[in-house]
Amino acid sequence: MAEQKKVLDPQSNTINISTRKDTRFFMYLSKLFLRKFETIELHALGEAISISSRVSESLSRYGYANMSRINLQTITTQQKEGGRNDKQGQRKKVKLTIIMNRSGDFFNKVNAAGLQQ
């Protein structure tokens, strides 16, 4: 019994970058999001910041998108139960948000690269 592939249809322009996947996955995902949205937001916490910066740099270098804004902030998160009890379970983390705008010739570049719809 063959399973049919689901078509990814993003509902929001936000991509949450994590360390569980590599840069190539998020590059592919970003291009899919840029097909639907003029502007995308790459959000990353902690160690995922390096992946997010590589994705945005690659999107810019290959002409798929342009960086519009970079926002860096420190946020306080609640630690899950069972962790260390420093400061009642609160930890500070760095959050990076990169706003990318689709380039004018995005669709030409994507079609030339062979990204399927």
PDB file of N, CA and C in Angstrom:
ATOM      1  N   MET A   1       0.833  -1.178   0.000  1.00  0.00           N
ATOM      2  CA  MET A   1       0.000   0.000   0.000  1.00  0.00           C
ATOM      3  C   MET A   1       0.881   1.246   0.000  1.00  0.00           C
ATOM      4  N   ALA A   2       0.785   2.028  -1.032  1.00  0.00           N
ATOM      5  CA  ALA A   2       1.623   3.217  -1.182  1.00  0.00           C
ATOM      6  C   ALA A   2       0.973   4.411  -0.488  1.00  0.00           C
ATOM      7  N   GLU A   3       1.796   5.108   0.299  1.00  0.00           N
ATOM      8  CA  GLU A   3       1.308   6.317   0.968  1.00  0.00           C
ATOM      9  C   GLU A   3       1.499   7.503   0.040  1.00  0.00           C
ATOM     10  N   GLN A   4       0.530   8.398   0.057  1.00  0.00           N
ATOM     11  CA  GLN A   4       0.655   9.603  -0.744  1.00  0.00           C
ATOM     12  C   GLN A   4       1.382  10.668   0.059  1.00  0.00           C
ATOM     13  N   LYS A   5       2.211  11.438  -0.631  1.00  0.00           N
ATOM     14  CA  LYS A   5       2.936  12.508   0.037  1.00  0.00           C
ATOM     15  C   LYS A   5       1.997  13.670   0.305  1.00  0.00           C
ATOM     16  N   LYS A   6       2.157  14.278   1.483  1.00  0.00           N
ATOM     17  CA  LYS A   6       1.367  15.454   1.826  1.00  0.00           C
ATOM     18  C   LYS A   6       2.028  16.684   1.216  1.00  0.00           C
ATOM     19  N   VAL A   7       1.227  17.579   0.719  1.00  0.00           N
ATOM     20  CA  VAL A   7       1.728  18.844   0.199  1.00  0.00           C
ATOM     21  C   VAL A   7       1.801  19.819   1.366  1.00  0.00           C
ATOM     22  N   LEU A   8       2.964  20.420   1.548  1.00  0.00           N
ATOM     23  CA  LEU A   8       3.144  21.371   2.633  1.00  0.00           C
ATOM     24  C   LEU A   8       2.501  22.695   2.258  1.00  0.00           C
ATOM     25  N   ASP A   9       1.550  23.133   3.063  1.00  0.00           N
ATOM     26  CA  ASP A   9       0.869  24.406   2.846  1.00  0.00           C
ATOM     27  C   ASP A   9       0.991  25.228   4.126  1.00  0.00           C
ATOM     28  N   PRO A  10       2.029  26.067   4.232  1.00  0.00           N
ATOM     29  CA  PRO A  10       2.241  26.824   5.461  1.00  0.00           C
ATOM     30  C   PRO A  10       1.111  27.816   5.720  1.00  0.00           C
ATOM     31  N   GLN A  11       0.733  27.933   6.988  1.00  0.00           N
ATOM     32  CA  GLN A  11      -0.336  28.846   7.384  1.00  0.00           C
ATOM     33  C   GLN A  11       0.209  30.168   7.919  1.00  0.00           C
ATOM     34  N   SER A  12       1.478  30.183   8.299  1.00  0.00           N
ATOM     35  CA  SER A  12       2.094  31.400   8.817  1.00  0.00           C
ATOM     36  C   SER A  12       3.466  31.553   8.173  1.00  0.00           C
ATOM     37  N   ASN A  13       4.026  32.726   8.229  1.00  0.00           N
ATOM     38  CA  ASN A  13       5.318  32.970   7.584  1.00  0.00           C
ATOM     39  C   ASN A  13       6.490  32.758   8.533  1.00  0.00           C
ATOM     40  N   THR A  14       6.268  32.118   9.669  1.00  0.00           N
ATOM     41  CA  THR A  14       7.296  31.915  10.687  1.00  0.00           C
ATOM     42  C   THR A  14       7.865  30.507  10.608  1.00  0.00           C
ATOM     43  N   ILE A  15       9.197  30.409  10.597  1.00  0.00           N
ATOM     44  CA  ILE A  15       9.885  29.120  10.643  1.00  0.00           C
ATOM     45  C   ILE A  15      10.687  29.088  11.936  1.00  0.00           C
ATOM     46  N   ASN A  16      10.415  28.099  12.777  1.00  0.00           N
ATOM     47  CA  ASN A  16      11.162  27.929  14.016  1.00  0.00           C
ATOM     48  C   ASN A  16      12.325  26.983  13.754  1.00  0.00           C
ATOM     49  N   ILE A  17      13.532  27.515  13.785  1.00  0.00           N
ATOM     50  CA  ILE A  17      14.739  26.752  13.503  1.00  0.00           C
ATOM     51  C   ILE A  17      15.138  25.994  14.764  1.00  0.00           C
ATOM     52  N   SER A  18      15.497  24.724  14.604  1.00  0.00           N
ATOM     53  CA  SER A  18      15.969  23.921  15.733  1.00  0.00           C
ATOM     54  C   SER A  18      17.260  23.215  15.349  1.00  0.00           C
ATOM     55  N   THR A  19      17.892  22.604  16.326  1.00  0.00           N
ATOM     56  CA  THR A  19      19.128  21.865  16.073  1.00  0.00           C
ATOM     57  C   THR A  19      18.855  20.419  15.674  1.00  0.00           C
ATOM     58  N   ARG A  20      17.610  20.023  15.615  1.00  0.00           N
ATOM     59  CA  ARG A  20      17.263  18.640  15.260  1.00  0.00           C
ATOM     60  C   ARG A  20      17.408  18.359  13.770  1.00  0.00           C
ATOM     61  N   LYS A  21      17.356  19.391  12.955  1.00  0.00           N
ATOM     62  CA  LYS A  21      17.517  19.260  11.499  1.00  0.00           C
ATOM     63  C   LYS A  21      18.720  20.078  11.067  1.00  0.00           C
ATOM     64  N   ASP A  22      19.221  19.795   9.873  1.00  0.00           N
ATOM     65  CA  ASP A  22      20.400  20.508   9.405  1.00  0.00           C
ATOM     66  C   ASP A  22      20.030  21.716   8.552  1.00  0.00           C
ATOM     67  N   THR A  23      21.056  22.438   8.122  1.00  0.00           N
ATOM     68  CA  THR A  23      20.874  23.672   7.361  1.00  0.00           C
ATOM     69  C   THR A  23      20.157  23.424   6.039  1.00  0.00           C
ATOM     70  N   ARG A  24      20.493  22.313   5.366  1.00  0.00           N
ATOM     71  CA  ARG A  24      19.871  22.027   4.063  1.00  0.00           C
ATOM     72  C   ARG A  24      18.359  21.872   4.181  1.00  0.00           C
ATOM     73  N   PHE A  25      17.888  21.236   5.254  1.00  0.00           N
ATOM     74  CA  PHE A  25      16.446  21.074   5.455  1.00  0.00           C
ATOM     75  C   PHE A  25      15.766  22.432   5.573  1.00  0.00           C
ATOM     76  N   PHE A  26      16.359  23.334   6.380  1.00  0.00           N
ATOM     77  CA  PHE A  26      15.744  24.643   6.581  1.00  0.00           C
ATOM     78  C   PHE A  26      15.870  25.531   5.347  1.00  0.00           C
ATOM     79  N   MET A  27      16.900  25.309   4.521  1.00  0.00           N
ATOM     80  CA  MET A  27      16.985  26.016   3.232  1.00  0.00           C
ATOM     81  C   MET A  27      15.805  25.609   2.346  1.00  0.00           C
ATOM     82  N   TYR A  28      15.562  24.306   2.252  1.00  0.00           N
ATOM     83  CA  TYR A  28      14.447  23.787   1.451  1.00  0.00           C
ATOM     84  C   TYR A  28      13.120  24.320   1.993  1.00  0.00           C
ATOM     85  N   LEU A  29      12.952  24.268   3.298  1.00  0.00           N
ATOM     86  CA  LEU A  29      11.721  24.739   3.925  1.00  0.00           C
ATOM     87  C   LEU A  29      11.528  26.246   3.687  1.00  0.00           C
ATOM     88  N   SER A  30      12.589  27.012   3.774  1.00  0.00           N
ATOM     89  CA  SER A  30      12.502  28.457   3.547  1.00  0.00           C
ATOM     90  C   SER A  30      12.047  28.759   2.130  1.00  0.00           C
ATOM     91  N   LYS A  31      12.566  28.012   1.158  1.00  0.00           N
ATOM     92  CA  LYS A  31      12.159  28.234  -0.233  1.00  0.00           C
ATOM     93  C   LYS A  31      10.689  27.890  -0.432  1.00  0.00           C
ATOM     94  N   LEU A  32      10.212  26.851   0.249  1.00  0.00           N
ATOM     95  CA  LEU A  32       8.783  26.522   0.165  1.00  0.00           C
ATOM     96  C   LEU A  32       7.934  27.644   0.764  1.00  0.00           C
ATOM     97  N   PHE A  33       8.369  28.190   1.892  1.00  0.00           N
ATOM     98  CA  PHE A  33       7.637  29.288   2.523  1.00  0.00           C
ATOM     99  C   PHE A  33       7.676  30.544   1.658  1.00  0.00           C
ATOM    100  N   LEU A  34       8.817  30.798   1.008  1.00  0.00           N
ATOM    101  CA  LEU A  34       8.933  31.989   0.154  1.00  0.00           C
ATOM    102  C   LEU A  34       8.060  31.889  -1.088  1.00  0.00           C
ATOM    103  N   ARG A  35       7.697  30.687  -1.490  1.00  0.00           N
ATOM    104  CA  ARG A  35       6.763  30.537  -2.613  1.00  0.00           C
ATOM    105  C   ARG A  35       5.400  31.128  -2.257  1.00  0.00           C
ATOM    106  N   LYS A  36       4.993  30.976  -0.985  1.00  0.00           N
ATOM    107  CA  LYS A  36       3.670  31.427  -0.569  1.00  0.00           C
ATOM    108  C   LYS A  36       3.676  32.843   0.016  1.00  0.00           C
ATOM    109  N   PHE A  37       4.734  33.193   0.752  1.00  0.00           N
ATOM    110  CA  PHE A  37       4.780  34.476   1.445  1.00  0.00           C
ATOM    111  C   PHE A  37       5.878  35.361   0.869  1.00  0.00           C
ATOM    112  N   GLU A  38       5.609  36.642   0.807  1.00  0.00           N
ATOM    113  CA  GLU A  38       6.593  37.626   0.353  1.00  0.00           C
ATOM    114  C   GLU A  38       7.712  37.783   1.383  1.00  0.00           C
ATOM    115  N   THR A  39       7.356  37.674   2.660  1.00  0.00           N
ATOM    116  CA  THR A  39       8.294  37.845   3.762  1.00  0.00           C
ATOM    117  C   THR A  39       8.213  36.637   4.688  1.00  0.00           C
ATOM    118  N   ILE A  40       9.378  36.126   5.121  1.00  0.00           N
ATOM    119  CA  ILE A  40       9.394  35.042   6.106  1.00  0.00           C
ATOM    120  C   ILE A  40      10.214  35.477   7.310  1.00  0.00           C
ATOM    121  N   GLU A  41       9.933  34.838   8.444  1.00  0.00           N
ATOM    122  CA  GLU A  41      10.662  35.109   9.678  1.00  0.00           C
ATOM    123  C   GLU A  41      11.333  33.822  10.124  1.00  0.00           C
ATOM    124  N   LEU A  42      12.645  33.884  10.354  1.00  0.00           N
ATOM    125  CA  LEU A  42      13.394  32.752  10.881  1.00  0.00           C
ATOM    126  C   LEU A  42      13.620  33.004  12.366  1.00  0.00           C
ATOM    127  N   HIS A  43      13.082  32.134  13.226  1.00  0.00           N
ATOM    128  CA  HIS A  43      13.220  32.270  14.672  1.00  0.00           C
ATOM    129  C   HIS A  43      14.128  31.160  15.175  1.00  0.00           C
ATOM    130  N   ALA A  44      15.081  31.507  16.037  1.00  0.00           N
ATOM    131  CA  ALA A  44      15.987  30.516  16.588  1.00  0.00           C
ATOM    132  C   ALA A  44      16.319  30.861  18.033  1.00  0.00           C
ATOM    133  N   LEU A  45      16.442  29.812  18.859  1.00  0.00           N
ATOM    134  CA  LEU A  45      16.834  29.966  20.255  1.00  0.00           C
ATOM    135  C   LEU A  45      18.159  29.257  20.481  1.00  0.00           C
ATOM    136  N   GLY A  46      19.016  29.864  21.279  1.00  0.00           N
ATOM    137  CA  GLY A  46      20.239  29.203  21.724  1.00  0.00           C
ATOM    138  C   GLY A  46      21.152  28.747  20.606  1.00  0.00           C
ATOM    139  N   GLU A  47      21.477  27.458  20.613  1.00  0.00           N
ATOM    140  CA  GLU A  47      22.448  26.922  19.661  1.00  0.00           C
ATOM    141  C   GLU A  47      21.915  26.850  18.233  1.00  0.00           C
ATOM    142  N   ALA A  48      20.628  26.997  18.034  1.00  0.00           N
ATOM    143  CA  ALA A  48      20.052  26.984  16.683  1.00  0.00           C
ATOM    144  C   ALA A  48      20.318  28.301  15.950  1.00  0.00           C
ATOM    145  N   ILE A  49      20.862  29.279  16.652  1.00  0.00           N
ATOM    146  CA  ILE A  49      21.159  30.569  16.032  1.00  0.00           C
ATOM    147  C   ILE A  49      22.148  30.410  14.888  1.00  0.00           C
ATOM    148  N   SER A  50      23.143  29.537  15.047  1.00  0.00           N
ATOM    149  CA  SER A  50      24.135  29.361  13.981  1.00  0.00           C
ATOM    150  C   SER A  50      23.496  28.784  12.723  1.00  0.00           C
ATOM    151  N   ILE A  51      22.542  27.863  12.878  1.00  0.00           N
ATOM    152  CA  ILE A  51      21.840  27.296  11.721  1.00  0.00           C
ATOM    153  C   ILE A  51      21.010  28.378  11.046  1.00  0.00           C
ATOM    154  N   SER A  52      20.321  29.186  11.847  1.00  0.00           N
ATOM    155  CA  SER A  52      19.487  30.255  11.305  1.00  0.00           C
ATOM    156  C   SER A  52      20.316  31.275  10.522  1.00  0.00           C
ATOM    157  N   SER A  53      21.474  31.622  11.049  1.00  0.00           N
ATOM    158  CA  SER A  53      22.313  32.588  10.343  1.00  0.00           C
ATOM    159  C   SER A  53      22.867  31.990   9.045  1.00  0.00           C
ATOM    160  N   ARG A  54      23.196  30.680   9.038  1.00  0.00           N
ATOM    161  CA  ARG A  54      23.667  30.042   7.812  1.00  0.00           C
ATOM    162  C   ARG A  54      22.569  29.997   6.755  1.00  0.00           C
ATOM    163  N   VAL A  55      21.338  29.715   7.183  1.00  0.00           N
ATOM    164  CA  VAL A  55      20.213  29.670   6.244  1.00  0.00           C
ATOM    165  C   VAL A  55      19.988  31.043   5.625  1.00  0.00           C
ATOM    166  N   SER A  56      19.953  32.083   6.447  1.00  0.00           N
ATOM    167  CA  SER A  56      19.706  33.427   5.918  1.00  0.00           C
ATOM    168  C   SER A  56      20.849  33.884   5.019  1.00  0.00           C
ATOM    169  N   GLU A  57      22.069  33.543   5.384  1.00  0.00           N
ATOM    170  CA  GLU A  57      23.213  33.915   4.551  1.00  0.00           C
ATOM    171  C   GLU A  57      23.150  33.208   3.201  1.00  0.00           C
ATOM    172  N   SER A  58      22.783  31.936   3.201  1.00  0.00           N
ATOM    173  CA  SER A  58      22.687  31.180   1.942  1.00  0.00           C
ATOM    174  C   SER A  58      21.553  31.692   1.066  1.00  0.00           C
ATOM    175  N   LEU A  59      20.417  32.010   1.670  1.00  0.00           N
ATOM    176  CA  LEU A  59      19.296  32.562   0.900  1.00  0.00           C
ATOM    177  C   LEU A  59      19.709  33.878   0.228  1.00  0.00           C
ATOM    178  N   SER A  60      20.464  34.685   0.944  1.00  0.00           N
ATOM    179  CA  SER A  60      20.942  35.949   0.372  1.00  0.00           C
ATOM    180  C   SER A  60      21.986  35.713  -0.708  1.00  0.00           C
ATOM    181  N   ARG A  61      22.932  34.823  -0.436  1.00  0.00           N
ATOM    182  CA  ARG A  61      24.035  34.588  -1.372  1.00  0.00           C
ATOM    183  C   ARG A  61      23.537  34.048  -2.702  1.00  0.00           C
ATOM    184  N   TYR A  62      22.558  33.144  -2.675  1.00  0.00           N
ATOM    185  CA  TYR A  62      22.050  32.554  -3.911  1.00  0.00           C
ATOM    186  C   TYR A  62      20.945  33.381  -4.564  1.00  0.00           C
ATOM    187  N   GLY A  63      20.583  34.511  -3.957  1.00  0.00           N
ATOM    188  CA  GLY A  63      19.643  35.430  -4.574  1.00  0.00           C
ATOM    189  C   GLY A  63      18.177  35.070  -4.411  1.00  0.00           C
ATOM    190  N   TYR A  64      17.862  34.195  -3.451  1.00  0.00           N
ATOM    191  CA  TYR A  64      16.460  33.841  -3.217  1.00  0.00           C
ATOM    192  C   TYR A  64      15.736  34.901  -2.390  1.00  0.00           C
ATOM    193  N   ALA A  65      16.451  35.526  -1.452  1.00  0.00           N
ATOM    194  CA  ALA A  65      15.821  36.503  -0.556  1.00  0.00           C
ATOM    195  C   ALA A  65      16.861  37.521  -0.101  1.00  0.00           C
ATOM    196  N   ASN A  66      16.356  38.603   0.476  1.00  0.00           N
ATOM    197  CA  ASN A  66      17.203  39.655   1.021  1.00  0.00           C
ATOM    198  C   ASN A  66      16.880  39.818   2.502  1.00  0.00           C
ATOM    199  N   MET A  67      17.915  40.030   3.305  1.00  0.00           N
ATOM    200  CA  MET A  67      17.692  40.255   4.731  1.00  0.00           C
ATOM    201  C   MET A  67      17.089  41.636   4.922  1.00  0.00           C
ATOM    202  N   SER A  68      16.008  41.684   5.665  1.00  0.00           N
ATOM    203  CA  SER A  68      15.332  42.944   5.918  1.00  0.00           C
ATOM    204  C   SER A  68      15.671  43.472   7.305  1.00  0.00           C
ATOM    205  N   ARG A  69      15.639  42.568   8.290  1.00  0.00           N
ATOM    206  CA  ARG A  69      15.869  43.004   9.663  1.00  0.00           C
ATOM    207  C   ARG A  69      16.399  41.833  10.477  1.00  0.00           C
ATOM    208  N   ILE A  70      17.258  42.143  11.438  1.00  0.00           N
ATOM    209  CA  ILE A  70      17.767  41.148  12.385  1.00  0.00           C
ATOM    210  C   ILE A  70      17.460  41.664  13.778  1.00  0.00           C
ATOM    211  N   ASN A  71      16.835  40.824  14.593  1.00  0.00           N
ATOM    212  CA  ASN A  71      16.477  41.205  15.951  1.00  0.00           C
ATOM    213  C   ASN A  71      17.052  40.161  16.906  1.00  0.00           C
ATOM    214  N   LEU A  72      17.781  40.616  17.907  1.00  0.00           N
ATOM    215  CA  LEU A  72      18.386  39.741  18.900  1.00  0.00           C
ATOM    216  C   LEU A  72      17.888  40.172  20.265  1.00  0.00           C
ATOM    217  N   GLN A  73      17.370  39.221  21.034  1.00  0.00           N
ATOM    218  CA  GLN A  73      16.863  39.562  22.355  1.00  0.00           C
ATOM    219  C   GLN A  73      17.131  38.435  23.342  1.00  0.00           C
ATOM    220  N   THR A  74      17.109  38.772  24.606  1.00  0.00           N
ATOM    221  CA  THR A  74      17.257  37.785  25.675  1.00  0.00           C
ATOM    222  C   THR A  74      15.876  37.552  26.263  1.00  0.00           C
ATOM    223  N   ILE A  75      15.477  36.293  26.307  1.00  0.00           N
ATOM    224  CA  ILE A  75      14.164  35.964  26.855  1.00  0.00           C
ATOM    225  C   ILE A  75      14.341  35.040  28.055  1.00  0.00           C
ATOM    226  N   THR A  76      13.346  35.028  28.918  1.00  0.00           N
ATOM    227  CA  THR A  76      13.338  34.143  30.076  1.00  0.00           C
ATOM    228  C   THR A  76      12.369  33.011  29.806  1.00  0.00           C
ATOM    229  N   THR A  77      12.847  31.782  29.937  1.00  0.00           N
ATOM    230  CA  THR A  77      12.009  30.613  29.699  1.00  0.00           C
ATOM    231  C   THR A  77      11.824  29.839  30.994  1.00  0.00           C
ATOM    232  N   GLN A  78      10.746  29.105  31.068  1.00  0.00           N
ATOM    233  CA  GLN A  78      10.489  28.239  32.208  1.00  0.00           C
ATOM    234  C   GLN A  78      11.131  26.887  31.949  1.00  0.00           C
ATOM    235  N   GLN A  79      11.858  26.393  32.928  1.00  0.00           N
ATOM    236  CA  GLN A  79      12.490  25.091  32.783  1.00  0.00           C
ATOM    237  C   GLN A  79      11.484  24.009  33.139  1.00  0.00           C
ATOM    238  N   LYS A  80      11.571  22.886  32.439  1.00  0.00           N
ATOM    239  CA  LYS A  80      10.678  21.768  32.721  1.00  0.00           C
ATOM    240  C   LYS A  80      10.958  21.226  34.115  1.00  0.00           C
ATOM    241  N   GLU A  81       9.940  20.602  34.702  1.00  0.00           N
ATOM    242  CA  GLU A  81      10.119  20.018  36.035  1.00  0.00           C
ATOM    243  C   GLU A  81      11.150  18.919  35.977  1.00  0.00           C
ATOM    244  N   GLY A  82      11.871  18.783  37.071  1.00  0.00           N
ATOM    245  CA  GLY A  82      12.899  17.763  37.128  1.00  0.00           C
ATOM    246  C   GLY A  82      14.275  18.301  36.820  1.00  0.00           C
ATOM    247  N   GLY A  83      14.351  19.553  36.401  1.00  0.00           N
ATOM    248  CA  GLY A  83      15.636  20.177  36.088  1.00  0.00           C
ATOM    249  C   GLY A  83      16.244  20.789  37.331  1.00  0.00           C
ATOM    250  N   ARG A  84      17.340  21.499  37.125  1.00  0.00           N
ATOM    251  CA  ARG A  84      17.965  22.188  38.256  1.00  0.00           C
ATOM    252  C   ARG A  84      17.035  23.281  38.756  1.00  0.00           C
ATOM    253  N   ASN A  85      17.108  23.550  40.034  1.00  0.00           N
ATOM    254  CA  ASN A  85      16.193  24.515  40.643  1.00  0.00           C
ATOM    255  C   ASN A  85      16.844  25.870  40.877  1.00  0.00           C
ATOM    256  N   ASP A  86      17.589  26.364  39.903  1.00  0.00           N
ATOM    257  CA  ASP A  86      18.164  27.699  40.052  1.00  0.00           C
ATOM    258  C   ASP A  86      17.146  28.742  39.623  1.00  0.00           C
ATOM    259  N   LYS A  87      16.919  29.713  40.502  1.00  0.00           N
ATOM    260  CA  LYS A  87      15.983  30.813  40.263  1.00  0.00           C
ATOM    261  C   LYS A  87      14.590  30.309  39.890  1.00  0.00           C
ATOM    262  N   GLN A  88      14.078  29.375  40.641  1.00  0.00           N
ATOM    263  CA  GLN A  88      12.726  28.830  40.476  1.00  0.00           C
ATOM    264  C   GLN A  88      12.446  28.332  39.066  1.00  0.00           C
ATOM    265  N   GLY A  89      13.428  27.698  38.431  1.00  0.00           N
ATOM    266  CA  GLY A  89      13.198  27.068  37.133  1.00  0.00           C
ATOM    267  C   GLY A  89      13.221  28.012  35.949  1.00  0.00           C
ATOM    268  N   GLN A  90      13.720  29.220  36.113  1.00  0.00           N
ATOM    269  CA  GLN A  90      13.778  30.158  34.993  1.00  0.00           C
ATOM    270  C   GLN A  90      15.189  30.194  34.418  1.00  0.00           C
ATOM    271  N   ARG A  91      15.268  30.255  33.086  1.00  0.00           N
ATOM    272  CA  ARG A  91      16.555  30.355  32.405  1.00  0.00           C
ATOM    273  C   ARG A  91      16.478  31.467  31.379  1.00  0.00           C
ATOM    274  N   LYS A  92      17.593  32.103  31.142  1.00  0.00           N
ATOM    275  CA  LYS A  92      17.664  33.130  30.102  1.00  0.00           C
ATOM    276  C   LYS A  92      18.281  32.517  28.861  1.00  0.00           C
ATOM    277  N   LYS A  93      17.669  32.819  27.710  1.00  0.00           N
ATOM    278  CA  LYS A  93      18.162  32.332  26.437  1.00  0.00           C
ATOM    279  C   LYS A  93      18.178  33.481  25.441  1.00  0.00           C
ATOM    280  N   VAL A  94      19.045  33.346  24.458  1.00  0.00           N
ATOM    281  CA  VAL A  94      19.120  34.330  23.388  1.00  0.00           C
ATOM    282  C   VAL A  94      18.192  33.886  22.267  1.00  0.00           C
ATOM    283  N   LYS A  95      17.403  34.818  21.748  1.00  0.00           N
ATOM    284  CA  LYS A  95      16.494  34.537  20.638  1.00  0.00           C
ATOM    285  C   LYS A  95      16.856  35.445  19.470  1.00  0.00           C
ATOM    286  N   LEU A  96      17.048  34.828  18.303  1.00  0.00           N
ATOM    287  CA  LEU A  96      17.369  35.562  17.083  1.00  0.00           C
ATOM    288  C   LEU A  96      16.183  35.474  16.137  1.00  0.00           C
ATOM    289  N   THR A  97      15.780  36.610  15.602  1.00  0.00           N
ATOM    290  CA  THR A  97      14.735  36.662  14.590  1.00  0.00           C
ATOM    291  C   THR A  97      15.302  37.366  13.368  1.00  0.00           C
ATOM    292  N   ILE A  98      15.238  36.685  12.217  1.00  0.00           N
ATOM    293  CA  ILE A  98      15.716  37.264  10.966  1.00  0.00           C
ATOM    294  C   ILE A  98      14.538  37.376  10.016  1.00  0.00           C
ATOM    295  N   ILE A  99      14.276  38.578   9.525  1.00  0.00           N
ATOM    296  CA  ILE A  99      13.196  38.819   8.575  1.00  0.00           C
ATOM    297  C   ILE A  99      13.816  38.813   7.177  1.00  0.00           C
ATOM    298  N   MET A 100      13.280  37.963   6.299  1.00  0.00           N
ATOM    299  CA  MET A 100      13.781  37.843   4.930  1.00  0.00           C
ATOM    300  C   MET A 100      12.672  38.216   3.956  1.00  0.00           C
ATOM    301  N   ASN A 101      13.001  39.012   2.937  1.00  0.00           N
ATOM    302  CA  ASN A 101      12.059  39.383   1.874  1.00  0.00           C
ATOM    303  C   ASN A 101      12.423  38.624   0.605  1.00  0.00           C
ATOM    304  N   ARG A 102      11.411  38.113  -0.066  1.00  0.00           N
ATOM    305  CA  ARG A 102      11.620  37.375  -1.310  1.00  0.00           C
ATOM    306  C   ARG A 102      12.211  38.310  -2.367  1.00  0.00           C
ATOM    307  N   SER A 103      13.193  37.819  -3.110  1.00  0.00           N
ATOM    308  CA  SER A 103      13.810  38.640  -4.151  1.00  0.00           C
ATOM    309  C   SER A 103      12.900  38.686  -5.379  1.00  0.00           C
ATOM    310  N   GLY A 104      13.141  39.658  -6.247  1.00  0.00           N
ATOM    311  CA  GLY A 104      12.310  39.849  -7.427  1.00  0.00           C
ATOM    312  C   GLY A 104      12.388  38.689  -8.413  1.00  0.00           C
ATOM    313  N   ASP A 105      13.547  38.060  -8.513  1.00  0.00           N
ATOM    314  CA  ASP A 105      13.692  36.945  -9.456  1.00  0.00           C
ATOM    315  C   ASP A 105      13.708  35.588  -8.749  1.00  0.00           C
ATOM    316  N   PHE A 106      13.038  35.507  -7.596  1.00  0.00           N
ATOM    317  CA  PHE A 106      12.981  34.266  -6.818  1.00  0.00           C
ATOM    318  C   PHE A 106      12.442  33.099  -7.634  1.00  0.00           C
ATOM    319  N   PHE A 107      11.315  33.303  -8.304  1.00  0.00           N
ATOM    320  CA  PHE A 107      10.674  32.200  -9.024  1.00  0.00           C
ATOM    321  C   PHE A 107      11.529  31.725 -10.193  1.00  0.00           C
ATOM    322  N   ASN A 108      12.238  32.629 -10.862  1.00  0.00           N
ATOM    323  CA  ASN A 108      13.149  32.222 -11.934  1.00  0.00           C
ATOM    324  C   ASN A 108      14.277  31.357 -11.396  1.00  0.00           C
ATOM    325  N   LYS A 109      14.860  31.762 -10.272  1.00  0.00           N
ATOM    326  CA  LYS A 109      15.961  31.010  -9.673  1.00  0.00           C
ATOM    327  C   LYS A 109      15.511  29.652  -9.169  1.00  0.00           C
ATOM    328  N   VAL A 110      14.319  29.602  -8.547  1.00  0.00           N
ATOM    329  CA  VAL A 110      13.813  28.346  -8.015  1.00  0.00           C
ATOM    330  C   VAL A 110      13.490  27.383  -9.159  1.00  0.00           C
ATOM    331  N   ASN A 111      12.872  27.871 -10.202  1.00  0.00           N
ATOM    332  CA  ASN A 111      12.556  27.008 -11.342  1.00  0.00           C
ATOM    333  C   ASN A 111      13.819  26.515 -12.033  1.00  0.00           C
ATOM    334  N   ALA A 112      14.846  27.366 -12.097  1.00  0.00           N
ATOM    335  CA  ALA A 112      16.106  26.963 -12.697  1.00  0.00           C
ATOM    336  C   ALA A 112      16.804  25.908 -11.847  1.00  0.00           C
ATOM    337  N   ALA A 113      16.636  26.002 -10.518  1.00  0.00           N
ATOM    338  CA  ALA A 113      17.259  25.033  -9.614  1.00  0.00           C
ATOM    339  C   ALA A 113      16.469  23.727  -9.562  1.00  0.00           C
ATOM    340  N   GLY A 114      15.240  23.740 -10.030  1.00  0.00           N
ATOM    341  CA  GLY A 114      14.451  22.516 -10.108  1.00  0.00           C
ATOM    342  C   GLY A 114      13.673  22.161  -8.851  1.00  0.00           C
ATOM    343  N   LEU A 115      13.334  23.127  -7.995  1.00  0.00           N
ATOM    344  CA  LEU A 115      12.523  22.858  -6.832  1.00  0.00           C
ATOM    345  C   LEU A 115      11.096  22.572  -7.267  1.00  0.00           C
ATOM    346  N   GLN A 116      10.594  21.402  -6.920  1.00  0.00           N
ATOM    347  CA  GLN A 116       9.260  21.008  -7.363  1.00  0.00           C
ATOM    348  C   GLN A 116       8.202  21.672  -6.505  1.00  0.00           C
ATOM    349  N   GLN A 117       7.046  21.853  -7.134  1.00  0.00           N
ATOM    350  CA  GLN A 117       5.933  22.461  -6.397  1.00  0.00           C
ATOM    351  C   GLN A 117       5.159  21.419  -5.652  1.00  0.00           C
TER     352      GLN A 117
END
